[in-house]
Each structure stands twice: as C-alpha cells, then as structure tokens.
Amino acid sequence: MHRPFFIWASFFALVAVAFGALGAHALKEVLSPGSLATFETGVRYQFYHALALFITSFAYAQRPETLFRWAGRLFIAGVFCFSGSLYLLSTRELLGIGHWTWLGPITPLGGLLFLSGWWLLAWGAWRNGNNKG
C-alpha cells in the first residue's frame, strides 16, 4: 500500500460515514429535501472516491507508476472540490454563507478532477499491463 493515499482514503471514508450520519439525523430536521439530497450526493461521491484511493494506494504500491500517483492526487483534490462544495452549498444558509456565489462552479471542477483521476488510473493499468512480458 502507498501510505499517504491509504491515510487519505481512511480519513475520507471516516468523514463520509460521519457526514452521512449527520445528514440522516441532525440535518434532516433543518435542511430542505433538495439541500439534504445535495448533501447526500457529496457524501456518496466522497465515499466512492475514498474507495478509489484505496485501489490507487495498492496499485501504486505494486507498480510505482506516475499515472497512479497523479490519479490519487486528482481523487484527493476532487473530494475537496466536489464533495466539499456540495457540503457548503447545501448548508450555506445554515452557515451564513449564502452570499458565496463562487461555490457553484467548484462542483463541476471537482467532477472533472474525478474523471481525470479515473482516466489516469485506467491508463496506468493499461500501460503497465502492456509492459509485462
């Protein structure tokens, strides 16, 4: 395993479970159904990409491929941009940051980071599969 990616993956999974519980219990009473659904989307994608980081951790440990390292970095950045922006967007009235209009464009940027990470993970696997004799 690649220790930094494994630690990030563990942290992201822990936070996703905690935020999932927060959304299901405490936020259910104070957010609109639409905002709660947005919050839950952030949790879901954070958890998916925690799992992606575990996969990347083991792929990089097996073959220290630069593409795997960049895939992991993009997954980390994607969690912050995609899930982080959704958490803030869904709770902005509650947090008093309703005027933060710049949050909206951050979410699709996070999605592009996720897509790029998956592409690099696949490319690295393909490239390494072709290098075996």
Protein backbone atom coordinates (compact mmCIF):
# COMPACT_ATOMS: atom_id res chain seq x y z
CA MET A 1 0.00 0.00 0.00
CA HIS A 2 1.04 3.58 -0.60
CA ARG A 3 0.78 5.05 2.89
CA PRO A 4 -0.27 8.65 2.09
CA PHE A 5 -3.10 7.55 -0.22
CA PHE A 6 -4.20 4.91 2.27
CA ILE A 7 -4.33 7.51 5.06
CA TRP A 8 -6.31 9.96 2.91
CA ALA A 9 -8.68 7.16 1.88
CA SER A 10 -9.24 6.18 5.51
CA PHE A 11 -9.83 9.80 6.52
CA PHE A 12 -12.27 10.41 3.65
CA ALA A 13 -14.20 7.22 4.47
CA LEU A 14 -14.39 8.19 8.16
CA VAL A 15 -15.67 11.67 7.32
CA ALA A 16 -18.17 10.27 4.78
CA VAL A 17 -19.65 7.95 7.42
CA ALA A 18 -19.77 10.78 9.97
CA PHE A 19 -21.35 13.22 7.48
CA GLY A 20 -23.79 10.54 6.35
CA ALA A 21 -24.95 10.14 9.94
CA LEU A 22 -25.07 13.92 10.38
CA GLY A 23 -27.25 14.25 7.28
CA ALA A 24 -29.54 11.38 8.25
CA HIS A 25 -30.13 12.66 11.76
CA ALA A 26 -29.28 16.29 12.57
CA LEU A 27 -29.51 17.94 9.15
CA LYS A 28 -32.70 16.13 8.20
CA GLU A 29 -34.56 18.48 10.53
CA VAL A 30 -33.01 21.76 9.30
CA LEU A 31 -32.37 21.36 5.55
CA SER A 32 -34.87 21.34 2.72
CA PRO A 33 -35.28 17.98 0.93
CA GLY A 34 -33.32 19.37 -2.04
CA SER A 35 -30.45 20.58 0.11
CA LEU A 36 -30.38 17.29 2.00
CA ALA A 37 -30.22 15.40 -1.31
CA THR A 38 -27.30 17.62 -2.39
CA PHE A 39 -25.52 16.94 0.91
CA GLU A 40 -26.07 13.20 0.48
CA THR A 41 -24.63 13.35 -3.04
CA GLY A 42 -21.46 14.85 -1.57
CA VAL A 43 -21.27 12.03 0.98
CA ARG A 44 -21.83 9.34 -1.67
CA TYR A 45 -19.16 10.65 -4.03
CA GLN A 46 -16.72 11.15 -1.18
CA PHE A 47 -17.15 7.53 -0.17
CA TYR A 48 -16.78 6.31 -3.77
CA HIS A 49 -13.52 8.18 -4.07
CA ALA A 50 -12.24 7.01 -0.70
CA LEU A 51 -12.57 3.52 -2.19
CA ALA A 52 -10.87 4.73 -5.37
CA LEU A 53 -7.97 5.97 -3.25
CA PHE A 54 -7.65 2.57 -1.56
CA ILE A 55 -7.44 0.99 -5.02
CA THR A 56 -4.90 3.60 -6.12
CA SER A 57 -2.87 3.03 -2.95
CA PHE A 58 -2.45 -0.65 -3.74
CA ALA A 59 -1.90 -0.10 -7.47
CA TYR A 60 0.84 2.44 -6.77
CA ALA A 61 2.50 0.18 -4.19
CA GLN A 62 2.55 -2.69 -6.67
CA ARG A 63 3.82 -0.52 -9.52
CA PRO A 64 5.06 2.99 -8.63
CA GLU A 65 3.61 4.43 -11.82
CA THR A 66 3.49 8.23 -12.12
CA LEU A 67 -0.01 7.97 -13.58
CA PHE A 68 -1.21 6.21 -10.42
CA ARG A 69 0.32 8.92 -8.24
CA TRP A 70 -1.43 11.63 -10.25
CA ALA A 71 -4.70 9.69 -10.18
CA GLY A 72 -4.56 9.64 -6.38
CA ARG A 73 -3.79 13.34 -6.21
CA LEU A 74 -6.72 14.11 -8.51
CA PHE A 75 -9.07 11.98 -6.40
CA ILE A 76 -8.00 13.90 -3.27
CA ALA A 77 -8.46 17.27 -4.95
CA GLY A 78 -11.77 16.08 -6.40
CA VAL A 79 -13.14 15.19 -2.96
CA PHE A 80 -12.33 18.65 -1.67
CA CYS A 81 -13.77 20.42 -4.72
CA PHE A 82 -16.79 18.23 -5.48
CA SER A 83 -17.95 16.96 -2.11
CA GLY A 84 -16.66 19.97 -0.19
CA SER A 85 -18.53 22.41 -2.41
CA LEU A 86 -21.72 20.34 -2.16
CA TYR A 87 -21.48 20.32 1.65
CA LEU A 88 -21.08 24.08 1.69
CA LEU A 89 -23.75 24.72 -0.97
CA SER A 90 -26.31 22.59 0.84
CA THR A 91 -25.68 24.18 4.24
CA ARG A 92 -24.81 27.73 3.20
CA GLU A 93 -27.95 29.32 4.69
CA LEU A 94 -27.40 27.40 7.91
CA LEU A 95 -23.72 28.51 7.97
CA GLY A 96 -24.48 32.10 6.98
CA ILE A 97 -22.52 31.92 3.73
CA GLY A 98 -25.45 32.33 1.34
CA HIS A 99 -23.56 35.11 -0.45
CA TRP A 100 -20.74 32.76 -1.51
CA THR A 101 -21.84 32.54 -5.13
CA TRP A 102 -18.44 31.26 -6.26
CA LEU A 103 -19.15 27.81 -4.77
CA GLY A 104 -21.36 26.68 -7.66
CA PRO A 105 -18.62 26.43 -10.30
CA ILE A 106 -16.35 24.48 -7.94
CA THR A 107 -18.57 21.37 -8.07
CA PRO A 108 -18.13 20.62 -11.81
CA LEU A 109 -14.40 21.27 -11.44
CA GLY A 110 -14.35 18.53 -8.80
CA GLY A 111 -16.22 16.26 -11.20
CA LEU A 112 -13.57 16.88 -13.86
CA LEU A 113 -10.87 16.03 -11.32
CA PHE A 114 -12.64 12.74 -10.55
CA LEU A 115 -12.97 11.89 -14.25
CA SER A 116 -9.31 12.72 -14.84
CA GLY A 117 -8.27 10.55 -11.90
CA TRP A 118 -10.24 7.58 -13.22
CA TRP A 119 -8.74 8.12 -16.68
CA LEU A 120 -5.19 8.17 -15.31
CA LEU A 121 -5.85 5.09 -13.18
CA ALA A 122 -7.09 3.21 -16.25
CA TRP A 123 -4.25 4.49 -18.43
CA GLY A 124 -1.67 3.48 -15.82
CA ALA A 125 -3.16 -0.01 -15.58
CA TRP A 126 -3.25 -0.37 -19.35
CA ARG A 127 0.30 0.90 -19.73
CA ASN A 128 1.62 -1.41 -17.05
CA GLY A 129 -0.31 -4.37 -18.43
CA ASN A 130 1.37 -3.84 -21.79
CA ASN A 131 4.83 -3.67 -20.17
CA LYS A 132 4.61 -7.22 -18.80
CA GLY A 133 6.39 -9.76 -20.93
